[in-house]
Amino acid sequence: GCDPGNEVSLQRLLAIKQRDAGKGLILIAADFGQLARWLAEIDPA
């Protein structure tokens, strides 16, 4: 893991893993509030 807001860390993590940047990454959180800033609004249901 790294700080998802730190572009240098993201690039370094992808390089360490030798992962194709086109695949994307997963974010984990302790609660939904920690994810909200990253996510678009969707239907409440």
PDB file of all heavy atoms in Angstrom:
ATOM      1  N   GLY A   1       0.805  -1.205   0.000  1.00  0.00           N
ATOM      2  CA  GLY A   1       0.000   0.000   0.000  1.00  0.00           C
ATOM      3  C   GLY A   1       0.836   1.252   0.000  1.00  0.00           C
ATOM      4  O   GLY A   1       2.011   1.248   0.374  1.00  0.00           O
ATOM      5  N   CYS A   2       0.175   2.324  -0.431  1.00  0.00           N
ATOM      6  CA  CYS A   2       0.771   3.654  -0.392  1.00  0.00           C
ATOM      7  C   CYS A   2      -0.365   4.663  -0.348  1.00  0.00           C
ATOM      8  O   CYS A   2      -1.549   4.295  -0.439  1.00  0.00           O
ATOM      9  CB  CYS A   2       1.684   3.889  -1.599  1.00  0.00           C
ATOM     10  SG  CYS A   2       0.851   3.980  -3.189  1.00  0.00           S
ATOM     11  N   ASP A   3       0.000   5.911  -0.222  1.00  0.00           N
ATOM     12  CA  ASP A   3      -0.966   7.005  -0.232  1.00  0.00           C
ATOM     13  C   ASP A   3      -1.503   7.147  -1.656  1.00  0.00           C
ATOM     14  O   ASP A   3      -0.741   7.430  -2.580  1.00  0.00           O
ATOM     15  CB  ASP A   3      -0.253   8.284   0.209  1.00  0.00           C
ATOM     16  CG  ASP A   3      -1.130   9.520   0.191  1.00  0.00           C
ATOM     17  OD1 ASP A   3      -2.255   9.490  -0.341  1.00  0.00           O
ATOM     18  OD2 ASP A   3      -0.656  10.550   0.718  1.00  0.00           O
ATOM     19  N   PRO A   4      -2.814   6.956  -1.860  1.00  0.00           N
ATOM     20  CA  PRO A   4      -3.362   7.031  -3.217  1.00  0.00           C
ATOM     21  C   PRO A   4      -3.299   8.427  -3.827  1.00  0.00           C
ATOM     22  O   PRO A   4      -3.454   8.573  -5.039  1.00  0.00           O
ATOM     23  CB  PRO A   4      -4.811   6.566  -3.051  1.00  0.00           C
ATOM     24  CG  PRO A   4      -5.133   6.763  -1.624  1.00  0.00           C
ATOM     25  CD  PRO A   4      -3.847   6.640  -0.873  1.00  0.00           C
ATOM     26  N   GLY A   5      -3.040   9.438  -3.027  1.00  0.00           N
ATOM     27  CA  GLY A   5      -2.925  10.793  -3.533  1.00  0.00           C
ATOM     28  C   GLY A   5      -1.509  11.196  -3.896  1.00  0.00           C
ATOM     29  O   GLY A   5      -1.270  12.323  -4.337  1.00  0.00           O
ATOM     30  N   ASN A   6      -0.557  10.288  -3.742  1.00  0.00           N
ATOM     31  CA  ASN A   6       0.846  10.591  -4.006  1.00  0.00           C
ATOM     32  C   ASN A   6       1.272   9.917  -5.316  1.00  0.00           C
ATOM     33  O   ASN A   6       1.520   8.712  -5.349  1.00  0.00           O
ATOM     34  CB  ASN A   6       1.702  10.102  -2.827  1.00  0.00           C
ATOM     35  CG  ASN A   6       3.157  10.493  -2.953  1.00  0.00           C
ATOM     36  OD1 ASN A   6       3.732  10.464  -4.034  1.00  0.00           O
ATOM     37  ND2 ASN A   6       3.759  10.830  -1.828  1.00  0.00           N
ATOM     38  N   GLU A   7       1.350  10.709  -6.383  1.00  0.00           N
ATOM     39  CA  GLU A   7       1.665  10.167  -7.714  1.00  0.00           C
ATOM     40  C   GLU A   7       3.035   9.477  -7.757  1.00  0.00           C
ATOM     41  O   GLU A   7       3.188   8.453  -8.416  1.00  0.00           O
ATOM     42  CB  GLU A   7       1.628  11.282  -8.767  1.00  0.00           C
ATOM     43  CG  GLU A   7       0.245  11.850  -8.999  1.00  0.00           C
ATOM     44  CD  GLU A   7      -0.592  11.031  -9.951  1.00  0.00           C
ATOM     45  OE1 GLU A   7      -0.077  10.582 -10.990  1.00  0.00           O
ATOM     46  OE2 GLU A   7      -1.784  10.829  -9.646  1.00  0.00           O
ATOM     47  N   VAL A   8       4.012  10.032  -7.067  1.00  0.00           N
ATOM     48  CA  VAL A   8       5.352   9.433  -7.057  1.00  0.00           C
ATOM     49  C   VAL A   8       5.299   8.052  -6.401  1.00  0.00           C
ATOM     50  O   VAL A   8       5.882   7.085  -6.898  1.00  0.00           O
ATOM     51  CB  VAL A   8       6.376  10.361  -6.359  1.00  0.00           C
ATOM     52  CG1 VAL A   8       7.715   9.671  -6.190  1.00  0.00           C
ATOM     53  CG2 VAL A   8       6.527  11.662  -7.141  1.00  0.00           C
ATOM     54  N   SER A   9       4.557   7.944  -5.299  1.00  0.00           N
ATOM     55  CA  SER A   9       4.414   6.647  -4.627  1.00  0.00           C
ATOM     56  C   SER A   9       3.691   5.646  -5.515  1.00  0.00           C
ATOM     57  O   SER A   9       4.057   4.464  -5.564  1.00  0.00           O
ATOM     58  CB  SER A   9       3.636   6.806  -3.314  1.00  0.00           C
ATOM     59  OG  SER A   9       4.350   7.600  -2.414  1.00  0.00           O
ATOM     60  N   LEU A  10       2.655   6.096  -6.203  1.00  0.00           N
ATOM     61  CA  LEU A  10       1.918   5.202  -7.112  1.00  0.00           C
ATOM     62  C   LEU A  10       2.831   4.683  -8.216  1.00  0.00           C
ATOM     63  O   LEU A  10       2.829   3.478  -8.515  1.00  0.00           O
ATOM     64  CB  LEU A  10       0.715   5.932  -7.721  1.00  0.00           C
ATOM     65  CG  LEU A  10      -0.406   6.314  -6.768  1.00  0.00           C
ATOM     66  CD1 LEU A  10      -1.408   7.232  -7.461  1.00  0.00           C
ATOM     67  CD2 LEU A  10      -1.098   5.082  -6.217  1.00  0.00           C
ATOM     68  N   GLN A  11       3.620   5.557  -8.807  1.00  0.00           N
ATOM     69  CA  GLN A  11       4.548   5.138  -9.866  1.00  0.00           C
ATOM     70  C   GLN A  11       5.577   4.153  -9.334  1.00  0.00           C
ATOM     71  O   GLN A  11       5.886   3.149  -9.984  1.00  0.00           O
ATOM     72  CB  GLN A  11       5.251   6.363 -10.473  1.00  0.00           C
ATOM     73  CG  GLN A  11       4.317   7.222 -11.274  1.00  0.00           C
ATOM     74  CD  GLN A  11       4.942   8.549 -11.681  1.00  0.00           C
ATOM     75  OE1 GLN A  11       5.967   8.987 -11.132  1.00  0.00           O
ATOM     76  NE2 GLN A  11       4.321   9.225 -12.638  1.00  0.00           N
ATOM     77  N   ARG A  12       6.090   4.429  -8.143  1.00  0.00           N
ATOM     78  CA  ARG A  12       7.078   3.539  -7.538  1.00  0.00           C
ATOM     79  C   ARG A  12       6.479   2.169  -7.245  1.00  0.00           C
ATOM     80  O   ARG A  12       7.102   1.134  -7.507  1.00  0.00           O
ATOM     81  CB  ARG A  12       7.629   4.179  -6.260  1.00  0.00           C
ATOM     82  CG  ARG A  12       8.702   3.351  -5.610  1.00  0.00           C
ATOM     83  CD  ARG A  12       9.373   4.096  -4.466  1.00  0.00           C
ATOM     84  NE  ARG A  12      10.076   3.126  -3.659  1.00  0.00           N
ATOM     85  CZ  ARG A  12       9.926   2.975  -2.361  1.00  0.00           C
ATOM     86  NH1 ARG A  12       9.131   3.789  -1.681  1.00  0.00           N
ATOM     87  NH2 ARG A  12      10.586   2.053  -1.715  1.00  0.00           N
ATOM     88  N   LEU A  13       5.247   2.151  -6.712  1.00  0.00           N
ATOM     89  CA  LEU A  13       4.580   0.885  -6.404  1.00  0.00           C
ATOM     90  C   LEU A  13       4.379   0.063  -7.669  1.00  0.00           C
ATOM     91  O   LEU A  13       4.652  -1.146  -7.688  1.00  0.00           O
ATOM     92  CB  LEU A  13       3.238   1.156  -5.713  1.00  0.00           C
ATOM     93  CG  LEU A  13       2.408  -0.072  -5.353  1.00  0.00           C
ATOM     94  CD1 LEU A  13       3.148  -0.963  -4.370  1.00  0.00           C
ATOM     95  CD2 LEU A  13       1.075   0.360  -4.774  1.00  0.00           C
ATOM     96  N   LEU A  14       3.903   0.693  -8.740  1.00  0.00           N
ATOM     97  CA  LEU A  14       3.716  -0.024 -10.002  1.00  0.00           C
ATOM     98  C   LEU A  14       5.045  -0.571 -10.518  1.00  0.00           C
ATOM     99  O   LEU A  14       5.103  -1.698 -11.023  1.00  0.00           O
ATOM    100  CB  LEU A  14       3.060   0.892 -11.036  1.00  0.00           C
ATOM    101  CG  LEU A  14       1.601   1.252 -10.752  1.00  0.00           C
ATOM    102  CD1 LEU A  14       1.142   2.390 -11.651  1.00  0.00           C
ATOM    103  CD2 LEU A  14       0.700   0.040 -10.902  1.00  0.00           C
ATOM    104  N   ALA A  15       6.116   0.197 -10.379  1.00  0.00           N
ATOM    105  CA  ALA A  15       7.435  -0.262 -10.830  1.00  0.00           C
ATOM    106  C   ALA A  15       7.926  -1.443 -10.005  1.00  0.00           C
ATOM    107  O   ALA A  15       8.439  -2.425 -10.553  1.00  0.00           O
ATOM    108  CB  ALA A  15       8.437   0.892 -10.776  1.00  0.00           C
ATOM    109  N   ILE A  16       7.756  -1.369  -8.684  1.00  0.00           N
ATOM    110  CA  ILE A  16       8.193  -2.463  -7.807  1.00  0.00           C
ATOM    111  C   ILE A  16       7.466  -3.756  -8.168  1.00  0.00           C
ATOM    112  O   ILE A  16       8.051  -4.828  -8.226  1.00  0.00           O
ATOM    113  CB  ILE A  16       7.953  -2.098  -6.323  1.00  0.00           C
ATOM    114  CG1 ILE A  16       8.954  -1.042  -5.865  1.00  0.00           C
ATOM    115  CG2 ILE A  16       8.029  -3.333  -5.432  1.00  0.00           C
ATOM    116  CD1 ILE A  16       8.636  -0.435  -4.499  1.00  0.00           C
ATOM    117  N   LYS A  17       6.167  -3.648  -8.417  1.00  0.00           N
ATOM    118  CA  LYS A  17       5.373  -4.834  -8.757  1.00  0.00           C
ATOM    119  C   LYS A  17       5.556  -5.277 -10.208  1.00  0.00           C
ATOM    120  O   LYS A  17       5.166  -6.365 -10.577  1.00  0.00           O
ATOM    121  CB  LYS A  17       3.878  -4.557  -8.546  1.00  0.00           C
ATOM    122  CG  LYS A  17       3.441  -4.686  -7.113  1.00  0.00           C
ATOM    123  CD  LYS A  17       1.942  -4.544  -6.992  1.00  0.00           C
ATOM    124  CE  LYS A  17       1.115  -5.501  -7.783  1.00  0.00           C
ATOM    125  NZ  LYS A  17       0.888  -6.816  -7.194  1.00  0.00           N
ATOM    126  N   GLN A  18       6.136  -4.392 -11.032  1.00  0.00           N
ATOM    127  CA  GLN A  18       6.233  -4.617 -12.473  1.00  0.00           C
ATOM    128  C   GLN A  18       4.828  -4.791 -13.056  1.00  0.00           C
ATOM    129  O   GLN A  18       4.571  -5.655 -13.881  1.00  0.00           O
ATOM    130  CB  GLN A  18       7.133  -5.821 -12.774  1.00  0.00           C
ATOM    131  CG  GLN A  18       8.526  -5.650 -12.233  1.00  0.00           C
ATOM    132  CD  GLN A  18       9.360  -6.910 -12.234  1.00  0.00           C
ATOM    133  OE1 GLN A  18       8.941  -7.969 -12.675  1.00  0.00           O
ATOM    134  NE2 GLN A  18      10.570  -6.805 -11.710  1.00  0.00           N
ATOM    135  N   ARG A  19       3.912  -3.936 -12.584  1.00  0.00           N
ATOM    136  CA  ARG A  19       2.497  -4.007 -12.953  1.00  0.00           C
ATOM    137  C   ARG A  19       2.173  -2.994 -14.041  1.00  0.00           C
ATOM    138  O   ARG A  19       2.574  -1.832 -13.961  1.00  0.00           O
ATOM    139  CB  ARG A  19       1.636  -3.731 -11.722  1.00  0.00           C
ATOM    140  CG  ARG A  19       0.142  -3.834 -11.968  1.00  0.00           C
ATOM    141  CD  ARG A  19      -0.624  -3.618 -10.670  1.00  0.00           C
ATOM    142  NE  ARG A  19      -2.051  -3.555 -10.873  1.00  0.00           N
ATOM    143  CZ  ARG A  19      -2.860  -4.620 -10.860  1.00  0.00           C
ATOM    144  NH1 ARG A  19      -2.369  -5.822 -10.639  1.00  0.00           N
ATOM    145  NH2 ARG A  19      -4.159  -4.480 -11.047  1.00  0.00           N
ATOM    146  N   ASP A  20       1.414  -3.424 -15.014  1.00  0.00           N
ATOM    147  CA  ASP A  20       0.932  -2.563 -16.080  1.00  0.00           C
ATOM    148  C   ASP A  20       0.008  -1.504 -15.487  1.00  0.00           C
ATOM    149  O   ASP A  20      -0.997  -1.840 -14.845  1.00  0.00           O
ATOM    150  CB  ASP A  20       0.185  -3.424 -17.103  1.00  0.00           C
ATOM    151  CG  ASP A  20      -0.453  -2.638 -18.229  1.00  0.00           C
ATOM    152  OD1 ASP A  20      -0.354  -1.393 -18.259  1.00  0.00           O
ATOM    153  OD2 ASP A  20      -1.071  -3.276 -19.095  1.00  0.00           O
ATOM    154  N   ALA A  21       0.329  -0.229 -15.680  1.00  0.00           N
ATOM    155  CA  ALA A  21      -0.471   0.862 -15.120  1.00  0.00           C
ATOM    156  C   ALA A  21      -1.890   0.872 -15.664  1.00  0.00           C
ATOM    157  O   ALA A  21      -2.794   1.409 -15.027  1.00  0.00           O
ATOM    158  CB  ALA A  21       0.209   2.198 -15.388  1.00  0.00           C
ATOM    159  N   GLY A  22      -2.128   0.253 -16.800  1.00  0.00           N
ATOM    160  CA  GLY A  22      -3.457   0.212 -17.385  1.00  0.00           C
ATOM    161  C   GLY A  22      -4.438  -0.658 -16.620  1.00  0.00           C
ATOM    162  O   GLY A  22      -5.657  -0.534 -16.806  1.00  0.00           O
ATOM    163  N   LYS A  23      -3.934  -1.517 -15.743  1.00  0.00           N
ATOM    164  CA  LYS A  23      -4.819  -2.411 -14.979  1.00  0.00           C
ATOM    165  C   LYS A  23      -5.534  -1.703 -13.843  1.00  0.00           C
ATOM    166  O   LYS A  23      -6.597  -2.134 -13.413  1.00  0.00           O
ATOM    167  CB  LYS A  23      -4.024  -3.593 -14.414  1.00  0.00           C
ATOM    168  CG  LYS A  23      -3.553  -4.566 -15.470  1.00  0.00           C
ATOM    169  CD  LYS A  23      -2.837  -5.737 -14.826  1.00  0.00           C
ATOM    170  CE  LYS A  23      -2.434  -6.766 -15.857  1.00  0.00           C
ATOM    171  NZ  LYS A  23      -1.810  -7.926 -15.227  1.00  0.00           N
ATOM    172  N   GLY A  24      -4.939  -0.661 -13.302  1.00  0.00           N
ATOM    173  CA  GLY A  24      -5.519   0.026 -12.162  1.00  0.00           C
ATOM    174  C   GLY A  24      -5.164  -0.654 -10.851  1.00  0.00           C
ATOM    175  O   GLY A  24      -4.550  -1.723 -10.830  1.00  0.00           O
ATOM    176  N   LEU A  25      -5.562  -0.025  -9.756  1.00  0.00           N
ATOM    177  CA  LEU A  25      -5.260  -0.504  -8.411  1.00  0.00           C
ATOM    178  C   LEU A  25      -6.529  -0.493  -7.563  1.00  0.00           C
ATOM    179  O   LEU A  25      -7.520   0.129  -7.941  1.00  0.00           O
ATOM    180  CB  LEU A  25      -4.197   0.394  -7.766  1.00  0.00           C
ATOM    181  CG  LEU A  25      -2.821   0.375  -8.436  1.00  0.00           C
ATOM    182  CD1 LEU A  25      -1.994   1.569  -8.002  1.00  0.00           C
ATOM    183  CD2 LEU A  25      -2.104  -0.931  -8.127  1.00  0.00           C
ATOM    184  N   ILE A  26      -6.482  -1.157  -6.431  1.00  0.00           N
ATOM    185  CA  ILE A  26      -7.612  -1.201  -5.500  1.00  0.00           C
ATOM    186  C   ILE A  26      -7.326  -0.249  -4.342  1.00  0.00           C
ATOM    187  O   ILE A  26      -6.184  -0.139  -3.887  1.00  0.00           O
ATOM    188  CB  ILE A  26      -7.810  -2.636  -4.969  1.00  0.00           C
ATOM    189  CG1 ILE A  26      -8.262  -3.570  -6.092  1.00  0.00           C
ATOM    190  CG2 ILE A  26      -8.816  -2.669  -3.812  1.00  0.00           C
ATOM    191  CD1 ILE A  26      -8.349  -5.034  -5.683  1.00  0.00           C
ATOM    192  N   LEU A  27      -8.380   0.398  -3.858  1.00  0.00           N
ATOM    193  CA  LEU A  27      -8.291   1.162  -2.614  1.00  0.00           C
ATOM    194  C   LEU A  27      -9.064   0.408  -1.542  1.00  0.00           C
ATOM    195  O   LEU A  27     -10.159  -0.096  -1.803  1.00  0.00           O
ATOM    196  CB  LEU A  27      -8.916   2.549  -2.753  1.00  0.00           C
ATOM    197  CG  LEU A  27      -8.259   3.541  -3.689  1.00  0.00           C
ATOM    198  CD1 LEU A  27      -8.941   4.902  -3.556  1.00  0.00           C
ATOM    199  CD2 LEU A  27      -6.776   3.667  -3.425  1.00  0.00           C
ATOM    200  N   ILE A  28      -8.489   0.345  -0.346  1.00  0.00           N
ATOM    201  CA  ILE A  28      -9.217  -0.176   0.814  1.00  0.00           C
ATOM    202  C   ILE A  28      -9.398   0.964   1.801  1.00  0.00           C
ATOM    203  O   ILE A  28      -8.654   1.948   1.770  1.00  0.00           O
ATOM    204  CB  ILE A  28      -8.518  -1.369   1.503  1.00  0.00           C
ATOM    205  CG1 ILE A  28      -7.145  -0.967   2.065  1.00  0.00           C
ATOM    206  CG2 ILE A  28      -8.438  -2.565   0.565  1.00  0.00           C
ATOM    207  CD1 ILE A  28      -6.568  -1.976   3.033  1.00  0.00           C
ATOM    208  N   ALA A  29     -10.378   0.803   2.672  1.00  0.00           N
ATOM    209  CA  ALA A  29     -10.650   1.825   3.674  1.00  0.00           C
ATOM    210  C   ALA A  29     -11.260   1.177   4.898  1.00  0.00           C
ATOM    211  O   ALA A  29     -11.716   0.023   4.854  1.00  0.00           O
ATOM    212  CB  ALA A  29     -11.595   2.880   3.097  1.00  0.00           C
ATOM    213  N   ALA A  30     -11.286   1.943   5.983  1.00  0.00           N
ATOM    214  CA  ALA A  30     -11.916   1.491   7.226  1.00  0.00           C
ATOM    215  C   ALA A  30     -13.413   1.778   7.218  1.00  0.00           C
ATOM    216  O   ALA A  30     -14.174   1.108   7.900  1.00  0.00           O
ATOM    217  CB  ALA A  30     -11.256   2.153   8.428  1.00  0.00           C
ATOM    218  N   ASP A  31     -13.814   2.802   6.437  1.00  0.00           N
ATOM    219  CA  ASP A  31     -15.234   3.150   6.340  1.00  0.00           C
ATOM    220  C   ASP A  31     -15.466   3.878   5.019  1.00  0.00           C
ATOM    221  O   ASP A  31     -14.521   4.318   4.361  1.00  0.00           O
ATOM    222  CB  ASP A  31     -15.686   4.005   7.531  1.00  0.00           C
ATOM    223  CG  ASP A  31     -14.919   5.312   7.640  1.00  0.00           C
ATOM    224  OD1 ASP A  31     -14.950   6.129   6.692  1.00  0.00           O
ATOM    225  OD2 ASP A  31     -14.268   5.525   8.690  1.00  0.00           O
ATOM    226  N   PHE A  32     -16.739   4.010   4.649  1.00  0.00           N
ATOM    227  CA  PHE A  32     -17.071   4.595   3.350  1.00  0.00           C
ATOM    228  C   PHE A  32     -16.615   6.048   3.238  1.00  0.00           C
ATOM    229  O   PHE A  32     -16.240   6.499   2.158  1.00  0.00           O
ATOM    230  CB  PHE A  32     -18.574   4.482   3.076  1.00  0.00           C
ATOM    231  CG  PHE A  32     -18.936   4.969   1.705  1.00  0.00           C
ATOM    232  CD1 PHE A  32     -18.582   4.233   0.579  1.00  0.00           C
ATOM    233  CD2 PHE A  32     -19.603   6.165   1.530  1.00  0.00           C
ATOM    234  CE1 PHE A  32     -18.892   4.691  -0.697  1.00  0.00           C
ATOM    235  CE2 PHE A  32     -19.919   6.635   0.261  1.00  0.00           C
ATOM    236  CZ  PHE A  32     -19.569   5.886  -0.857  1.00  0.00           C
ATOM    237  N   GLY A  33     -16.638   6.775   4.329  1.00  0.00           N
ATOM    238  CA  GLY A  33     -16.209   8.166   4.292  1.00  0.00           C
ATOM    239  C   GLY A  33     -14.799   8.333   3.753  1.00  0.00           C
ATOM    240  O   GLY A  33     -14.479   9.351   3.123  1.00  0.00           O
ATOM    241  N   GLN A  34     -13.942   7.338   3.967  1.00  0.00           N
ATOM    242  CA  GLN A  34     -12.573   7.411   3.472  1.00  0.00           C
ATOM    243  C   GLN A  34     -12.497   7.218   1.954  1.00  0.00           C
ATOM    244  O   GLN A  34     -11.511   7.594   1.334  1.00  0.00           O
ATOM    245  CB  GLN A  34     -11.693   6.374   4.169  1.00  0.00           C
ATOM    246  CG  GLN A  34     -11.509   6.657   5.645  1.00  0.00           C
ATOM    247  CD  GLN A  34     -10.611   5.638   6.317  1.00  0.00           C
ATOM    248  OE1 GLN A  34     -10.467   4.495   5.883  1.00  0.00           O
ATOM    249  NE2 GLN A  34      -9.985   6.059   7.410  1.00  0.00           N
ATOM    250  N   LEU A  35     -13.527   6.631   1.368  1.00  0.00           N
ATOM    251  CA  LEU A  35     -13.540   6.396  -0.078  1.00  0.00           C
ATOM    252  C   LEU A  35     -14.250   7.498  -0.852  1.00  0.00           C
ATOM    253  O   LEU A  35     -14.014   7.680  -2.046  1.00  0.00           O
ATOM    254  CB  LEU A  35     -14.239   5.063  -0.389  1.00  0.00           C
ATOM    255  CG  LEU A  35     -13.546   3.800   0.103  1.00  0.00           C
ATOM    256  CD1 LEU A  35     -14.449   2.594  -0.106  1.00  0.00           C
ATOM    257  CD2 LEU A  35     -12.204   3.613  -0.596  1.00  0.00           C
ATOM    258  N   ALA A  36     -15.130   8.233  -0.193  1.00  0.00           N
ATOM    259  CA  ALA A  36     -16.041   9.159  -0.870  1.00  0.00           C
ATOM    260  C   ALA A  36     -15.334  10.162  -1.777  1.00  0.00           C
ATOM    261  O   ALA A  36     -15.826  10.462  -2.867  1.00  0.00           O
ATOM    262  CB  ALA A  36     -16.908   9.881   0.162  1.00  0.00           C
ATOM    263  N   ARG A  37     -14.181  10.659  -1.378  1.00  0.00           N
ATOM    264  CA  ARG A  37     -13.493  11.682  -2.192  1.00  0.00           C
ATOM    265  C   ARG A  37     -13.026  11.150  -3.545  1.00  0.00           C
ATOM    266  O   ARG A  37     -12.724  11.916  -4.455  1.00  0.00           O
ATOM    267  CB  ARG A  37     -12.325  12.288  -1.433  1.00  0.00           C
ATOM    268  CG  ARG A  37     -11.125  11.369  -1.308  1.00  0.00           C
ATOM    269  CD  ARG A  37      -9.947  12.054  -0.666  1.00  0.00           C
ATOM    270  NE  ARG A  37      -9.097  12.646  -1.677  1.00  0.00           N
ATOM    271  CZ  ARG A  37      -7.798  12.819  -1.513  1.00  0.00           C
ATOM    272  NH1 ARG A  37      -7.208  12.499  -0.395  1.00  0.00           N
ATOM    273  NH2 ARG A  37      -7.085  13.351  -2.475  1.00  0.00           N
ATOM    274  N   TRP A  38     -12.957   9.833  -3.679  1.00  0.00           N
ATOM    275  CA  TRP A  38     -12.472   9.207  -4.912  1.00  0.00           C
ATOM    276  C   TRP A  38     -13.599   8.797  -5.857  1.00  0.00           C
ATOM    277  O   TRP A  38     -13.348   8.524  -7.024  1.00  0.00           O
ATOM    278  CB  TRP A  38     -11.639   7.965  -4.571  1.00  0.00           C
ATOM    279  CG  TRP A  38     -10.543   8.250  -3.593  1.00  0.00           C
ATOM    280  CD1 TRP A  38     -10.566   8.035  -2.242  1.00  0.00           C
ATOM    281  CD2 TRP A  38      -9.272   8.824  -3.865  1.00  0.00           C
ATOM    282  NE1 TRP A  38      -9.391   8.447  -1.673  1.00  0.00           N
ATOM    283  CE2 TRP A  38      -8.573   8.920  -2.649  1.00  0.00           C
ATOM    284  CE3 TRP A  38      -8.647   9.262  -5.039  1.00  0.00           C
ATOM    285  CZ2 TRP A  38      -7.290   9.443  -2.559  1.00  0.00           C
ATOM    286  CZ3 TRP A  38      -7.366   9.773  -4.950  1.00  0.00           C
ATOM    287  CH2 TRP A  38      -6.703   9.866  -3.724  1.00  0.00           C
ATOM    288  N   LEU A  39     -14.817   8.727  -5.338  1.00  0.00           N
ATOM    289  CA  LEU A  39     -15.918   8.092  -6.064  1.00  0.00           C
ATOM    290  C   LEU A  39     -16.965   9.081  -6.552  1.00  0.00           C
ATOM    291  O   LEU A  39     -17.330  10.018  -5.835  1.00  0.00           O
ATOM    292  CB  LEU A  39     -16.597   7.058  -5.152  1.00  0.00           C
ATOM    293  CG  LEU A  39     -15.665   6.007  -4.556  1.00  0.00           C
ATOM    294  CD1 LEU A  39     -16.441   5.089  -3.619  1.00  0.00           C
ATOM    295  CD2 LEU A  39     -14.951   5.218  -5.648  1.00  0.00           C
ATOM    296  N   ALA A  40     -17.489   8.822  -7.748  1.00  0.00           N
ATOM    297  CA  ALA A  40     -18.585   9.623  -8.287  1.00  0.00           C
ATOM    298  C   ALA A  40     -19.874   9.259  -7.559  1.00  0.00           C
ATOM    299  O   ALA A  40     -20.016   8.141  -7.046  1.00  0.00           O
ATOM    300  CB  ALA A  40     -18.728   9.362  -9.791  1.00  0.00           C
ATOM    301  N   GLU A  41     -20.793  10.203  -7.517  1.00  0.00           N
ATOM    302  CA  GLU A  41     -22.112   9.940  -6.930  1.00  0.00           C
ATOM    303  C   GLU A  41     -22.858   8.952  -7.817  1.00  0.00           C
ATOM    304  O   GLU A  41     -22.787   9.032  -9.048  1.00  0.00           O
ATOM    305  CB  GLU A  41     -22.911  11.245  -6.842  1.00  0.00           C
ATOM    306  CG  GLU A  41     -22.338  12.249  -5.864  1.00  0.00           C
ATOM    307  CD  GLU A  41     -22.477  11.822  -4.417  1.00  0.00           C
ATOM    308  OE1 GLU A  41     -23.499  11.199  -4.061  1.00  0.00           O
ATOM    309  OE2 GLU A  41     -21.544  12.099  -3.641  1.00  0.00           O
ATOM    310  N   ILE A  42     -23.553   8.011  -7.176  1.00  0.00           N
ATOM    311  CA  ILE A  42     -24.387   7.065  -7.917  1.00  0.00           C
ATOM    312  C   ILE A  42     -25.751   6.996  -7.248  1.00  0.00           C
ATOM    313  O   ILE A  42     -25.943   7.568  -6.168  1.00  0.00           O
ATOM    314  CB  ILE A  42     -23.729   5.657  -7.995  1.00  0.00           C
ATOM    315  CG1 ILE A  42     -23.526   5.065  -6.600  1.00  0.00           C
ATOM    316  CG2 ILE A  42     -22.418   5.707  -8.773  1.00  0.00           C
ATOM    317  CD1 ILE A  42     -23.057   3.612  -6.601  1.00  0.00           C
ATOM    318  N   ASP A  43     -26.658   6.293  -7.880  1.00  0.00           N
ATOM    319  CA  ASP A  43     -28.007   6.137  -7.343  1.00  0.00           C
ATOM    320  C   ASP A  43     -27.925   5.627  -5.903  1.00  0.00           C
ATOM    321  O   ASP A  43     -27.215   4.654  -5.633  1.00  0.00           O
ATOM    322  CB  ASP A  43     -28.778   5.152  -8.225  1.00  0.00           C
ATOM    323  CG  ASP A  43     -30.177   4.914  -7.732  1.00  0.00           C
ATOM    324  OD1 ASP A  43     -30.341   4.001  -6.878  1.00  0.00           O
ATOM    325  OD2 ASP A  43     -31.086   5.619  -8.181  1.00  0.00           O
ATOM    326  N   PRO A  44     -28.633   6.259  -4.966  1.00  0.00           N
ATOM    327  CA  PRO A  44     -28.550   5.850  -3.556  1.00  0.00           C
ATOM    328  C   PRO A  44     -28.906   4.377  -3.314  1.00  0.00           C
ATOM    329  O   PRO A  44     -28.296   3.741  -2.458  1.00  0.00           O
ATOM    330  CB  PRO A  44     -29.533   6.780  -2.850  1.00  0.00           C
ATOM    331  CG  PRO A  44     -29.593   7.992  -3.716  1.00  0.00           C
ATOM    332  CD  PRO A  44     -29.432   7.484  -5.120  1.00  0.00           C
ATOM    333  N   ALA A  45     -29.826   3.823  -4.060  1.00  0.00           N
ATOM    334  CA  ALA A  45     -30.190   2.409  -3.878  1.00  0.00           C
ATOM    335  C   ALA A  45     -29.038   1.502  -4.290  1.00  0.00           C
ATOM    336  O   ALA A  45     -28.767   0.479  -3.639  1.00  0.00           O
ATOM    337  CB  ALA A  45     -31.452   2.071  -4.669  1.00  0.00           C
TER     338      ALA A  45
END
